[in-house]
Amino acid sequence: MGALRWDIFGRVVDNYGDAGVCWRLAAQLAARGDAVRLVLDDHAALAWMAPGGTRGNGGVELLHWPGPALPGDVVVEAFGCDPPDAFVAAMRAAARPPVWINLEYLSAEDYVERSHGLPSPQRDGQTKWFFYPGFTPRTGGLLREDAVAAERSAFERAPWLAAQGATPRPGERVVSLFCYANAALPALLRDLAAAPTLLLLTPGAAQAQVDDAALPPATRTLRLPWLDQRGYDRLLWSADLNFVRGEDSLVRAVWAGAPFVWQAYPQHDGAHRAKVEALLARLALPAAAAALMRAWNGLAPWPGLPPAALWPRWQAALRDWRATLLAQDDLATQLRRFVLGKRMRT
């Protein structure tokens, strides 16, 4: 079967992760030779996030909401955003209705395996299919470019850091920080100051919460500009320890293979606890690293950074997990296979 025509719909809620996931998926499908129209209600983040910016790139046609009048072969609504009513009506009226996918949020929770691939019959007679990213073979997998493992292996951090204006000193550890507002940040800064540290601060909450004047001499900072997705990957590859947040950067930290601490999107009712605990159950981290992640998410008292002697075990656990995930098919491959299977039955 030839190339598919995709329409991907996404809405930017209050952060950049939704747009980031939509762009990565669109770019990876286009790299397979498919035609992709990406419809977003807010293009601002793509100006710095995506190669080519808001002009589109590499086979991706970037459109403003409400998007095209007629559907292609596949319609993906990212995170239950619901395509416009007129477009849904056009889907129903098509001679061969498109395969309709609801691409859900990433989670390590058990319900993902139970829900992945299930149909959702619609009142107008169409069927929407739930597609769940995940960390096990019974889920839809993770977004991953074909060359990411080889590029990671060949990467040299010194030239990349130098291009950003940073040269680590001998014995200085490199830490990247991408976070939501976090009450545990003062404790982290205090612990980082116990050893020479170069702290790479991403724009937004990380830079807003760090006062350089209050830092001890052992901690240097570099305030980075907004990086495109390729640049952000290389930031994670450059660090000895990564603090990441949300969905897209969690997956990129997995492919980086360095110790990382993940911050789930904080929810006042504590609903993020289940997501953190589910991820920790998959990771098999040393107890001190798991305690740090719980504390970073406001779920436990601050335990301090794991001692330096533990970091090799921490990294080994994450690299073993990464190897397992690399052996599974990536999300774009699985999604395409899922869609082709549905199209063969219609």
C-alpha atoms as a PDB file:
ATOM      1  CA  MET A   1       0.000   0.000   0.000  1.00  0.00           C
ATOM      2  CA  GLY A   2       1.261   3.474  -0.892  1.00  0.00           C
ATOM      3  CA  ALA A   3       1.726   6.606   1.150  1.00  0.00           C
ATOM      4  CA  LEU A   4      -0.975   7.621   3.589  1.00  0.00           C
ATOM      5  CA  ARG A   5      -2.479  11.083   3.987  1.00  0.00           C
ATOM      6  CA  TRP A   6      -2.687  12.153   7.638  1.00  0.00           C
ATOM      7  CA  ASP A   7      -4.559  14.962   9.350  1.00  0.00           C
ATOM      8  CA  ILE A   8      -3.291  15.547  12.896  1.00  0.00           C
ATOM      9  CA  PHE A   9      -5.271  17.913  15.126  1.00  0.00           C
ATOM     10  CA  GLY A  10      -3.881  19.366  18.338  1.00  0.00           C
ATOM     11  CA  ARG A  11      -4.653  22.129  20.805  1.00  0.00           C
ATOM     12  CA  VAL A  12      -2.049  23.889  22.929  1.00  0.00           C
ATOM     13  CA  VAL A  13      -3.401  23.946  26.475  1.00  0.00           C
ATOM     14  CA  ASP A  14      -0.978  25.641  28.880  1.00  0.00           C
ATOM     15  CA  ASN A  15       2.465  24.254  28.063  1.00  0.00           C
ATOM     16  CA  TYR A  16       4.424  23.204  24.990  1.00  0.00           C
ATOM     17  CA  GLY A  17       4.308  19.430  25.340  1.00  0.00           C
ATOM     18  CA  ASP A  18       1.162  18.927  23.257  1.00  0.00           C
ATOM     19  CA  ALA A  19       2.611  20.837  20.309  1.00  0.00           C
ATOM     20  CA  GLY A  20       5.928  19.031  20.760  1.00  0.00           C
ATOM     21  CA  VAL A  21       4.366  15.585  20.593  1.00  0.00           C
ATOM     22  CA  CYS A  22       2.230  16.541  17.595  1.00  0.00           C
ATOM     23  CA  TRP A  23       5.232  17.895  15.725  1.00  0.00           C
ATOM     24  CA  ARG A  24       7.432  14.885  16.437  1.00  0.00           C
ATOM     25  CA  LEU A  25       4.709  12.504  15.270  1.00  0.00           C
ATOM     26  CA  ALA A  26       4.022  14.538  12.140  1.00  0.00           C
ATOM     27  CA  ALA A  27       7.723  14.728  11.255  1.00  0.00           C
ATOM     28  CA  GLN A  28       8.267  11.001  11.805  1.00  0.00           C
ATOM     29  CA  LEU A  29       5.299  10.049   9.639  1.00  0.00           C
ATOM     30  CA  ALA A  30       6.486  12.407   6.916  1.00  0.00           C
ATOM     31  CA  ALA A  31       9.949  10.836   7.094  1.00  0.00           C
ATOM     32  CA  ARG A  32       8.289   7.559   6.090  1.00  0.00           C
ATOM     33  CA  GLY A  33       7.001   9.167   2.893  1.00  0.00           C
ATOM     34  CA  ASP A  34       3.479   9.996   4.059  1.00  0.00           C
ATOM     35  CA  ALA A  35       1.732  13.331   3.517  1.00  0.00           C
ATOM     36  CA  VAL A  36       0.926  15.050   6.810  1.00  0.00           C
ATOM     37  CA  ARG A  37      -1.233  18.070   7.594  1.00  0.00           C
ATOM     38  CA  LEU A  38      -0.741  19.312  11.154  1.00  0.00           C
ATOM     39  CA  VAL A  39      -3.562  21.514  12.445  1.00  0.00           C
ATOM     40  CA  LEU A  40      -2.824  23.490  15.618  1.00  0.00           C
ATOM     41  CA  ASP A  41      -4.722  26.289  17.307  1.00  0.00           C
ATOM     42  CA  ASP A  42      -1.475  27.967  18.384  1.00  0.00           C
ATOM     43  CA  HIS A  43       1.670  27.929  16.251  1.00  0.00           C
ATOM     44  CA  ALA A  44       3.822  30.137  18.474  1.00  0.00           C
ATOM     45  CA  ALA A  45       5.932  27.378  20.014  1.00  0.00           C
ATOM     46  CA  LEU A  46       6.798  25.904  16.617  1.00  0.00           C
ATOM     47  CA  ALA A  47       8.649  29.114  15.748  1.00  0.00           C
ATOM     48  CA  TRP A  48      11.544  27.842  17.897  1.00  0.00           C
ATOM     49  CA  MET A  49      10.668  24.176  18.422  1.00  0.00           C
ATOM     50  CA  ALA A  50      10.432  22.889  14.859  1.00  0.00           C
ATOM     51  CA  PRO A  51      13.074  22.965  12.130  1.00  0.00           C
ATOM     52  CA  GLY A  52      11.765  25.426   9.564  1.00  0.00           C
ATOM     53  CA  GLY A  53       9.607  27.057  12.215  1.00  0.00           C
ATOM     54  CA  THR A  54       6.019  27.842  11.349  1.00  0.00           C
ATOM     55  CA  ARG A  55       6.680  27.371   7.622  1.00  0.00           C
ATOM     56  CA  GLY A  56       6.529  23.595   8.026  1.00  0.00           C
ATOM     57  CA  ASN A  57       9.316  21.218   7.147  1.00  0.00           C
ATOM     58  CA  GLY A  58      10.081  17.858   5.609  1.00  0.00           C
ATOM     59  CA  GLY A  59       6.677  16.933   4.215  1.00  0.00           C
ATOM     60  CA  VAL A  60       4.600  18.446   7.020  1.00  0.00           C
ATOM     61  CA  GLU A  61       2.016  21.043   6.001  1.00  0.00           C
ATOM     62  CA  LEU A  62       1.248  23.258   8.964  1.00  0.00           C
ATOM     63  CA  LEU A  63      -2.304  24.634   9.115  1.00  0.00           C
ATOM     64  CA  HIS A  64      -4.245  26.870  11.459  1.00  0.00           C
ATOM     65  CA  TRP A  65      -7.360  25.635  13.197  1.00  0.00           C
ATOM     66  CA  PRO A  66      -9.974  24.619  11.928  1.00  0.00           C
ATOM     67  CA  GLY A  67      -7.826  23.081   9.196  1.00  0.00           C
ATOM     68  CA  PRO A  68      -8.839  21.552   5.851  1.00  0.00           C
ATOM     69  CA  ALA A  69     -12.354  21.034   4.577  1.00  0.00           C
ATOM     70  CA  LEU A  70     -11.935  17.395   3.520  1.00  0.00           C
ATOM     71  CA  PRO A  71     -10.106  14.565   5.317  1.00  0.00           C
ATOM     72  CA  GLY A  72      -7.274  12.376   4.130  1.00  0.00           C
ATOM     73  CA  ASP A  73      -6.840   8.697   4.949  1.00  0.00           C
ATOM     74  CA  VAL A  74      -6.246   9.076   8.691  1.00  0.00           C
ATOM     75  CA  VAL A  75      -7.419  11.590  11.261  1.00  0.00           C
ATOM     76  CA  VAL A  76      -5.514  11.830  14.537  1.00  0.00           C
ATOM     77  CA  GLU A  77      -6.934  13.896  17.366  1.00  0.00           C
ATOM     78  CA  ALA A  78      -4.152  14.403  19.867  1.00  0.00           C
ATOM     79  CA  PHE A  79      -5.212  14.023  23.500  1.00  0.00           C
ATOM     80  CA  GLY A  80      -8.949  14.044  22.833  1.00  0.00           C
ATOM     81  CA  CYS A  81      -9.019  17.538  21.340  1.00  0.00           C
ATOM     82  CA  ASP A  82     -11.980  16.735  18.989  1.00  0.00           C
ATOM     83  CA  PRO A  83     -11.705  17.891  15.356  1.00  0.00           C
ATOM     84  CA  PRO A  84     -14.099  20.667  14.253  1.00  0.00           C
ATOM     85  CA  ASP A  85     -17.712  19.564  13.792  1.00  0.00           C
ATOM     86  CA  ALA A  86     -17.731  20.408  10.080  1.00  0.00           C
ATOM     87  CA  PHE A  87     -14.634  18.288   9.535  1.00  0.00           C
ATOM     88  CA  VAL A  88     -16.171  15.341  11.424  1.00  0.00           C
ATOM     89  CA  ALA A  89     -19.241  15.644   9.185  1.00  0.00           C
ATOM     90  CA  ALA A  90     -16.963  15.570   6.134  1.00  0.00           C
ATOM     91  CA  MET A  91     -15.310  12.428   7.507  1.00  0.00           C
ATOM     92  CA  ARG A  92     -18.701  10.746   7.804  1.00  0.00           C
ATOM     93  CA  ALA A  93     -19.683  11.770   4.267  1.00  0.00           C
ATOM     94  CA  ALA A  94     -16.458  10.568   2.628  1.00  0.00           C
ATOM     95  CA  ALA A  95     -16.752   7.696   0.156  1.00  0.00           C
ATOM     96  CA  ARG A  96     -14.179   5.878   2.277  1.00  0.00           C
ATOM     97  CA  PRO A  97     -14.211   7.387   5.773  1.00  0.00           C
ATOM     98  CA  PRO A  98     -10.758   7.894   7.293  1.00  0.00           C
ATOM     99  CA  VAL A  99      -9.416   5.876  10.175  1.00  0.00           C
ATOM    100  CA  TRP A 100     -10.056   8.019  13.249  1.00  0.00           C
ATOM    101  CA  ILE A 101      -7.471   7.852  16.026  1.00  0.00           C
ATOM    102  CA  ASN A 102      -7.518   9.382  19.492  1.00  0.00           C
ATOM    103  CA  LEU A 103      -3.839   9.577  20.441  1.00  0.00           C
ATOM    104  CA  GLU A 104      -3.800   9.587  24.228  1.00  0.00           C
ATOM    105  CA  TYR A 105      -1.312  10.864  26.794  1.00  0.00           C
ATOM    106  CA  LEU A 106       1.683   8.764  27.783  1.00  0.00           C
ATOM    107  CA  SER A 107       1.507   6.892  31.070  1.00  0.00           C
ATOM    108  CA  ALA A 108       3.132   3.850  32.661  1.00  0.00           C
ATOM    109  CA  GLU A 109      -0.104   2.964  34.473  1.00  0.00           C
ATOM    110  CA  ASP A 110      -1.690  -0.467  33.994  1.00  0.00           C
ATOM    111  CA  TYR A 111      -4.861   0.876  32.370  1.00  0.00           C
ATOM    112  CA  VAL A 112      -2.862   1.779  29.257  1.00  0.00           C
ATOM    113  CA  GLU A 113      -2.446  -1.865  28.258  1.00  0.00           C
ATOM    114  CA  ARG A 114      -6.154  -2.538  28.868  1.00  0.00           C
ATOM    115  CA  SER A 115      -7.310   0.477  26.859  1.00  0.00           C
ATOM    116  CA  HIS A 116      -4.869   0.513  23.955  1.00  0.00           C
ATOM    117  CA  GLY A 117      -6.491  -0.235  20.605  1.00  0.00           C
ATOM    118  CA  LEU A 118     -10.078  -0.231  21.858  1.00  0.00           C
ATOM    119  CA  PRO A 119     -12.884   1.152  19.662  1.00  0.00           C
ATOM    120  CA  SER A 120     -15.120   4.037  20.663  1.00  0.00           C
ATOM    121  CA  PRO A 121     -18.323   3.962  18.555  1.00  0.00           C
ATOM    122  CA  GLN A 122     -19.618   7.457  17.823  1.00  0.00           C
ATOM    123  CA  ARG A 123     -23.246   8.588  17.634  1.00  0.00           C
ATOM    124  CA  ASP A 124     -22.925   9.339  13.927  1.00  0.00           C
ATOM    125  CA  GLY A 125     -21.922   5.756  13.128  1.00  0.00           C
ATOM    126  CA  GLN A 126     -18.173   6.335  12.894  1.00  0.00           C
ATOM    127  CA  THR A 127     -15.615   4.595  15.097  1.00  0.00           C
ATOM    128  CA  LYS A 128     -12.798   6.302  16.936  1.00  0.00           C
ATOM    129  CA  TRP A 129      -9.857   4.132  18.045  1.00  0.00           C
ATOM    130  CA  PHE A 130      -7.872   4.724  21.212  1.00  0.00           C
ATOM    131  CA  PHE A 131      -4.116   4.606  20.682  1.00  0.00           C
ATOM    132  CA  TYR A 132      -2.007   4.773  23.832  1.00  0.00           C
ATOM    133  CA  PRO A 133       1.730   5.432  23.915  1.00  0.00           C
ATOM    134  CA  GLY A 134       3.472   3.335  26.519  1.00  0.00           C
ATOM    135  CA  PHE A 135       6.481   1.436  27.766  1.00  0.00           C
ATOM    136  CA  THR A 136       5.468  -2.191  27.152  1.00  0.00           C
ATOM    137  CA  PRO A 137       4.869  -4.360  24.065  1.00  0.00           C
ATOM    138  CA  ARG A 138       1.102  -4.244  24.737  1.00  0.00           C
ATOM    139  CA  THR A 139       0.998  -0.465  24.191  1.00  0.00           C
ATOM    140  CA  GLY A 140       1.622   1.829  21.238  1.00  0.00           C
ATOM    141  CA  GLY A 141       5.282   2.441  22.115  1.00  0.00           C
ATOM    142  CA  LEU A 142       7.246   5.687  22.227  1.00  0.00           C
ATOM    143  CA  LEU A 143       8.081   8.339  19.668  1.00  0.00           C
ATOM    144  CA  ARG A 144      11.586   7.661  18.375  1.00  0.00           C
ATOM    145  CA  GLU A 145      13.465   8.659  15.253  1.00  0.00           C
ATOM    146  CA  ASP A 146      15.174   5.833  13.376  1.00  0.00           C
ATOM    147  CA  ALA A 147      18.651   7.301  13.854  1.00  0.00           C
ATOM    148  CA  VAL A 148      18.397   8.508  17.447  1.00  0.00           C
ATOM    149  CA  ALA A 149      20.416   5.663  18.994  1.00  0.00           C
ATOM    150  CA  ALA A 150      23.244   5.974  16.461  1.00  0.00           C
ATOM    151  CA  GLU A 151      23.333   9.757  16.768  1.00  0.00           C
ATOM    152  CA  ARG A 152      23.406   9.501  20.548  1.00  0.00           C
ATOM    153  CA  SER A 153      26.344   7.078  20.426  1.00  0.00           C
ATOM    154  CA  ALA A 154      28.328   9.355  18.106  1.00  0.00           C
ATOM    155  CA  PHE A 155      27.609  12.558  20.021  1.00  0.00           C
ATOM    156  CA  GLU A 156      30.426  14.550  21.655  1.00  0.00           C
ATOM    157  CA  ARG A 157      29.222  16.975  24.251  1.00  0.00           C
ATOM    158  CA  ALA A 158      32.201  19.342  24.445  1.00  0.00           C
ATOM    159  CA  PRO A 159      31.730  20.938  20.989  1.00  0.00           C
ATOM    160  CA  TRP A 160      27.961  21.241  21.485  1.00  0.00           C
ATOM    161  CA  LEU A 161      28.314  22.860  24.893  1.00  0.00           C
ATOM    162  CA  ALA A 162      31.002  25.191  23.588  1.00  0.00           C
ATOM    163  CA  ALA A 163      28.622  26.324  20.843  1.00  0.00           C
ATOM    164  CA  GLN A 164      26.126  27.239  23.570  1.00  0.00           C
ATOM    165  CA  GLY A 165      28.774  29.215  25.441  1.00  0.00           C
ATOM    166  CA  ALA A 166      29.618  26.644  28.118  1.00  0.00           C
ATOM    167  CA  THR A 167      32.850  24.794  28.848  1.00  0.00           C
ATOM    168  CA  PRO A 168      32.691  22.436  31.831  1.00  0.00           C
ATOM    169  CA  ARG A 169      35.640  22.729  34.184  1.00  0.00           C
ATOM    170  CA  PRO A 170      37.596  19.636  35.284  1.00  0.00           C
ATOM    171  CA  GLY A 171      35.558  17.717  37.835  1.00  0.00           C
ATOM    172  CA  GLU A 172      32.442  19.786  37.235  1.00  0.00           C
ATOM    173  CA  ARG A 173      29.192  17.887  36.752  1.00  0.00           C
ATOM    174  CA  VAL A 174      26.682  19.106  34.187  1.00  0.00           C
ATOM    175  CA  VAL A 175      23.002  19.240  35.158  1.00  0.00           C
ATOM    176  CA  SER A 176      20.092  20.341  32.962  1.00  0.00           C
ATOM    177  CA  LEU A 177      16.915  21.763  34.481  1.00  0.00           C
ATOM    178  CA  PHE A 178      13.537  21.831  32.738  1.00  0.00           C
ATOM    179  CA  CYS A 179      10.704  21.994  35.246  1.00  0.00           C
ATOM    180  CA  TYR A 180       7.383  23.372  36.339  1.00  0.00           C
ATOM    181  CA  ALA A 181       7.314  25.651  39.368  1.00  0.00           C
ATOM    182  CA  ASN A 182       8.720  23.444  42.113  1.00  0.00           C
ATOM    183  CA  ALA A 183       8.873  24.023  45.868  1.00  0.00           C
ATOM    184  CA  ALA A 184      11.764  21.552  46.136  1.00  0.00           C
ATOM    185  CA  LEU A 185      14.074  23.654  43.964  1.00  0.00           C
ATOM    186  CA  PRO A 186      15.856  25.432  46.881  1.00  0.00           C
ATOM    187  CA  ALA A 187      16.737  22.048  48.385  1.00  0.00           C
ATOM    188  CA  LEU A 188      18.062  20.851  45.033  1.00  0.00           C
ATOM    189  CA  LEU A 189      20.227  23.954  44.605  1.00  0.00           C
ATOM    190  CA  ARG A 190      21.598  23.518  48.116  1.00  0.00           C
ATOM    191  CA  ASP A 191      22.582  19.915  47.396  1.00  0.00           C
ATOM    192  CA  LEU A 192      24.061  20.706  43.999  1.00  0.00           C
ATOM    193  CA  ALA A 193      26.321  23.258  45.675  1.00  0.00           C
ATOM    194  CA  ALA A 194      28.081  20.455  47.551  1.00  0.00           C
ATOM    195  CA  ALA A 195      30.127  19.732  44.400  1.00  0.00           C
ATOM    196  CA  PRO A 196      31.195  21.872  41.414  1.00  0.00           C
ATOM    197  CA  THR A 197      28.183  22.052  39.113  1.00  0.00           C
ATOM    198  CA  LEU A 198      27.357  23.632  35.776  1.00  0.00           C
ATOM    199  CA  LEU A 199      23.583  24.102  35.785  1.00  0.00           C
ATOM    200  CA  LEU A 200      21.990  24.480  32.359  1.00  0.00           C
ATOM    201  CA  LEU A 201      18.706  26.370  32.735  1.00  0.00           C
ATOM    202  CA  THR A 202      15.958  26.178  30.137  1.00  0.00           C
ATOM    203  CA  PRO A 203      13.643  29.160  29.595  1.00  0.00           C
ATOM    204  CA  GLY A 204      10.477  29.433  31.628  1.00  0.00           C
ATOM    205  CA  ALA A 205      10.025  28.172  35.176  1.00  0.00           C
ATOM    206  CA  ALA A 206      13.613  26.927  35.545  1.00  0.00           C
ATOM    207  CA  GLN A 207      15.191  30.299  34.806  1.00  0.00           C
ATOM    208  CA  ALA A 208      12.506  32.205  36.694  1.00  0.00           C
ATOM    209  CA  GLN A 209      13.135  30.270  39.925  1.00  0.00           C
ATOM    210  CA  VAL A 210      16.929  30.440  40.006  1.00  0.00           C
ATOM    211  CA  ASP A 211      18.553  33.584  41.360  1.00  0.00           C
ATOM    212  CA  ASP A 212      22.187  33.538  40.247  1.00  0.00           C
ATOM    213  CA  ALA A 213      23.149  36.057  42.906  1.00  0.00           C
ATOM    214  CA  ALA A 214      22.076  33.663  45.651  1.00  0.00           C
ATOM    215  CA  LEU A 215      24.059  30.694  44.350  1.00  0.00           C
ATOM    216  CA  PRO A 216      27.354  29.631  45.933  1.00  0.00           C
ATOM    217  CA  PRO A 217      30.564  29.849  43.895  1.00  0.00           C
ATOM    218  CA  ALA A 218      30.579  26.092  43.281  1.00  0.00           C
ATOM    219  CA  THR A 219      27.458  26.415  41.118  1.00  0.00           C
ATOM    220  CA  ARG A 220      27.659  28.069  37.725  1.00  0.00           C
ATOM    221  CA  THR A 221      24.626  28.599  35.524  1.00  0.00           C
ATOM    222  CA  LEU A 222      24.019  28.972  31.818  1.00  0.00           C
ATOM    223  CA  ARG A 223      20.676  30.441  30.802  1.00  0.00           C
ATOM    224  CA  LEU A 224      19.830  28.825  27.503  1.00  0.00           C
ATOM    225  CA  PRO A 225      17.592  30.221  24.770  1.00  0.00           C
ATOM    226  CA  TRP A 226      14.635  28.236  23.498  1.00  0.00           C
ATOM    227  CA  LEU A 227      16.037  25.174  21.717  1.00  0.00           C
ATOM    228  CA  ASP A 228      14.479  23.314  18.843  1.00  0.00           C
ATOM    229  CA  GLN A 229      13.740  19.642  19.406  1.00  0.00           C
ATOM    230  CA  ARG A 230      17.069  18.523  17.978  1.00  0.00           C
ATOM    231  CA  GLY A 231      18.871  20.991  20.234  1.00  0.00           C
ATOM    232  CA  TYR A 232      16.950  19.875  23.307  1.00  0.00           C
ATOM    233  CA  ASP A 233      17.934  16.263  22.631  1.00  0.00           C
ATOM    234  CA  ARG A 234      21.552  17.330  22.580  1.00  0.00           C
ATOM    235  CA  LEU A 235      21.147  19.246  25.800  1.00  0.00           C
ATOM    236  CA  LEU A 236      20.034  16.012  27.469  1.00  0.00           C
ATOM    237  CA  TRP A 237      22.907  14.124  25.868  1.00  0.00           C
ATOM    238  CA  SER A 238      25.340  16.698  27.274  1.00  0.00           C
ATOM    239  CA  ALA A 239      24.295  16.417  30.923  1.00  0.00           C
ATOM    240  CA  ASP A 240      25.309  14.031  33.680  1.00  0.00           C
ATOM    241  CA  LEU A 241      21.888  14.496  35.282  1.00  0.00           C
ATOM    242  CA  ASN A 242      18.662  15.724  33.669  1.00  0.00           C
ATOM    243  CA  PHE A 243      15.594  17.166  35.351  1.00  0.00           C
ATOM    244  CA  VAL A 244      12.708  16.888  32.885  1.00  0.00           C
ATOM    245  CA  ARG A 245       8.978  17.513  32.936  1.00  0.00           C
ATOM    246  CA  GLY A 246       5.846  16.336  31.156  1.00  0.00           C
ATOM    247  CA  GLU A 247       5.600  13.822  28.333  1.00  0.00           C
ATOM    248  CA  ASP A 248       7.890  14.754  25.463  1.00  0.00           C
ATOM    249  CA  SER A 249      10.972  15.492  27.572  1.00  0.00           C
ATOM    250  CA  LEU A 250      10.479  12.285  29.577  1.00  0.00           C
ATOM    251  CA  VAL A 251      10.762  10.237  26.393  1.00  0.00           C
ATOM    252  CA  ARG A 252      13.804  12.217  25.270  1.00  0.00           C
ATOM    253  CA  ALA A 253      15.450  11.646  28.643  1.00  0.00           C
ATOM    254  CA  VAL A 254      14.890   7.910  28.182  1.00  0.00           C
ATOM    255  CA  TRP A 255      16.721   7.968  24.841  1.00  0.00           C
ATOM    256  CA  ALA A 256      19.518  10.097  26.344  1.00  0.00           C
ATOM    257  CA  GLY A 257      20.408   7.304  28.761  1.00  0.00           C
ATOM    258  CA  ALA A 258      21.731   9.573  31.538  1.00  0.00           C
ATOM    259  CA  PRO A 259      20.274   9.667  35.068  1.00  0.00           C
ATOM    260  CA  PHE A 260      17.104  11.744  35.070  1.00  0.00           C
ATOM    261  CA  VAL A 261      14.441  12.965  37.461  1.00  0.00           C
ATOM    262  CA  TRP A 262      10.969  13.400  36.028  1.00  0.00           C
ATOM    263  CA  GLN A 263       8.381  15.915  37.179  1.00  0.00           C
ATOM    264  CA  ALA A 264       4.811  14.994  36.299  1.00  0.00           C
ATOM    265  CA  TYR A 265       2.340  17.757  35.542  1.00  0.00           C
ATOM    266  CA  PRO A 266       1.362  18.761  39.093  1.00  0.00           C
ATOM    267  CA  GLN A 267      -2.297  18.338  40.011  1.00  0.00           C
ATOM    268  CA  HIS A 268      -3.777  19.805  43.170  1.00  0.00           C
ATOM    269  CA  ASP A 269      -5.750  16.665  43.964  1.00  0.00           C
ATOM    270  CA  GLY A 270      -2.579  14.560  43.913  1.00  0.00           C
ATOM    271  CA  ALA A 271      -3.646  12.605  40.827  1.00  0.00           C
ATOM    272  CA  HIS A 272      -0.083  12.802  39.499  1.00  0.00           C
ATOM    273  CA  ARG A 273       1.061  10.438  42.278  1.00  0.00           C
ATOM    274  CA  ALA A 274      -0.229   7.398  40.388  1.00  0.00           C
ATOM    275  CA  LYS A 275       1.720   8.409  37.275  1.00  0.00           C
ATOM    276  CA  VAL A 276       4.959   8.863  39.210  1.00  0.00           C
ATOM    277  CA  GLU A 277       4.593   5.582  41.076  1.00  0.00           C
ATOM    278  CA  ALA A 278       3.737   3.703  37.878  1.00  0.00           C
ATOM    279  CA  LEU A 279       6.862   5.026  36.181  1.00  0.00           C
ATOM    280  CA  LEU A 280       9.032   4.134  39.157  1.00  0.00           C
ATOM    281  CA  ALA A 281       7.629   0.612  39.097  1.00  0.00           C
ATOM    282  CA  ARG A 282       8.923   0.245  35.520  1.00  0.00           C
ATOM    283  CA  LEU A 283      12.333   1.746  36.201  1.00  0.00           C
ATOM    284  CA  ALA A 284      13.792  -0.444  38.964  1.00  0.00           C
ATOM    285  CA  LEU A 285      15.946   2.448  40.195  1.00  0.00           C
ATOM    286  CA  PRO A 286      18.155   2.440  43.280  1.00  0.00           C
ATOM    287  CA  ALA A 287      16.028   3.415  46.281  1.00  0.00           C
ATOM    288  CA  ALA A 288      17.781   6.771  46.711  1.00  0.00           C
ATOM    289  CA  ALA A 289      17.049   7.780  43.102  1.00  0.00           C
ATOM    290  CA  ALA A 290      13.398   6.749  43.441  1.00  0.00           C
ATOM    291  CA  ALA A 291      13.116   8.761  46.669  1.00  0.00           C
ATOM    292  CA  LEU A 292      14.490  11.807  44.875  1.00  0.00           C
ATOM    293  CA  MET A 293      11.871  11.542  42.130  1.00  0.00           C
ATOM    294  CA  ARG A 294       9.075  11.276  44.676  1.00  0.00           C
ATOM    295  CA  ALA A 295      10.343  14.321  46.525  1.00  0.00           C
ATOM    296  CA  TRP A 296      10.764  16.321  43.309  1.00  0.00           C
ATOM    297  CA  ASN A 297       7.066  15.661  42.671  1.00  0.00           C
ATOM    298  CA  GLY A 298       6.060  16.789  46.161  1.00  0.00           C
ATOM    299  CA  LEU A 299       5.158  13.256  47.253  1.00  0.00           C
ATOM    300  CA  ALA A 300       7.771  12.761  49.987  1.00  0.00           C
ATOM    301  CA  PRO A 301      10.274  14.720  52.116  1.00  0.00           C
ATOM    302  CA  TRP A 302      13.471  15.828  50.422  1.00  0.00           C
ATOM    303  CA  PRO A 303      16.042  12.989  50.723  1.00  0.00           C
ATOM    304  CA  GLY A 304      19.068  14.779  49.253  1.00  0.00           C
ATOM    305  CA  LEU A 305      20.826  13.866  46.033  1.00  0.00           C
ATOM    306  CA  PRO A 306      21.981  10.256  45.779  1.00  0.00           C
ATOM    307  CA  PRO A 307      25.677   9.941  46.640  1.00  0.00           C
ATOM    308  CA  ALA A 308      28.060  10.081  43.697  1.00  0.00           C
ATOM    309  CA  ALA A 309      29.020   6.437  44.204  1.00  0.00           C
ATOM    310  CA  LEU A 310      25.434   5.448  43.374  1.00  0.00           C
ATOM    311  CA  TRP A 311      25.215   7.295  40.071  1.00  0.00           C
ATOM    312  CA  PRO A 312      26.790   4.477  37.970  1.00  0.00           C
ATOM    313  CA  ARG A 313      24.101   2.065  39.232  1.00  0.00           C
ATOM    314  CA  TRP A 314      21.444   4.680  38.512  1.00  0.00           C
ATOM    315  CA  GLN A 315      22.706   5.120  34.975  1.00  0.00           C
ATOM    316  CA  ALA A 316      23.047   1.363  34.408  1.00  0.00           C
ATOM    317  CA  ALA A 317      19.416   0.793  35.398  1.00  0.00           C
ATOM    318  CA  LEU A 318      18.247   3.445  32.964  1.00  0.00           C
ATOM    319  CA  ARG A 319      20.415   2.172  30.121  1.00  0.00           C
ATOM    320  CA  ASP A 320      19.146  -1.373  30.611  1.00  0.00           C
ATOM    321  CA  TRP A 321      15.594  -0.034  30.407  1.00  0.00           C
ATOM    322  CA  ARG A 322      16.457   2.011  27.338  1.00  0.00           C
ATOM    323  CA  ALA A 323      17.827  -1.101  25.611  1.00  0.00           C
ATOM    324  CA  THR A 324      14.544  -2.893  26.279  1.00  0.00           C
ATOM    325  CA  LEU A 325      12.553   0.000  24.840  1.00  0.00           C
ATOM    326  CA  LEU A 326      14.798   0.310  21.790  1.00  0.00           C
ATOM    327  CA  ALA A 327      14.006  -3.322  20.973  1.00  0.00           C
ATOM    328  CA  GLN A 328      10.304  -2.446  20.674  1.00  0.00           C
ATOM    329  CA  ASP A 329       8.773  -0.808  17.614  1.00  0.00           C
ATOM    330  CA  ASP A 330       8.438   2.954  17.876  1.00  0.00           C
ATOM    331  CA  LEU A 331       5.084   4.726  18.079  1.00  0.00           C
ATOM    332  CA  ALA A 332       4.939   5.970  14.487  1.00  0.00           C
ATOM    333  CA  THR A 333       5.677   2.485  13.155  1.00  0.00           C
ATOM    334  CA  GLN A 334       3.035   0.912  15.378  1.00  0.00           C
ATOM    335  CA  LEU A 335       0.459   3.591  14.602  1.00  0.00           C
ATOM    336  CA  ARG A 336       0.975   3.212  10.878  1.00  0.00           C
ATOM    337  CA  ARG A 337       0.633  -0.575  11.133  1.00  0.00           C
ATOM    338  CA  PHE A 338      -2.520  -0.189  13.221  1.00  0.00           C
ATOM    339  CA  VAL A 339      -4.065   2.171  10.655  1.00  0.00           C
ATOM    340  CA  LEU A 340      -3.208  -0.062   7.697  1.00  0.00           C
ATOM    341  CA  GLY A 341      -4.850  -2.972   9.479  1.00  0.00           C
ATOM    342  CA  LYS A 342      -8.063  -0.992   9.928  1.00  0.00           C
ATOM    343  CA  ARG A 343      -8.034   0.218   6.310  1.00  0.00           C
ATOM    344  CA  MET A 344      -7.703  -3.328   4.969  1.00  0.00           C
ATOM    345  CA  ARG A 345     -11.011  -4.162   6.661  1.00  0.00           C
ATOM    346  CA  THR A 346     -12.947  -1.307   5.074  1.00  0.00           C
END
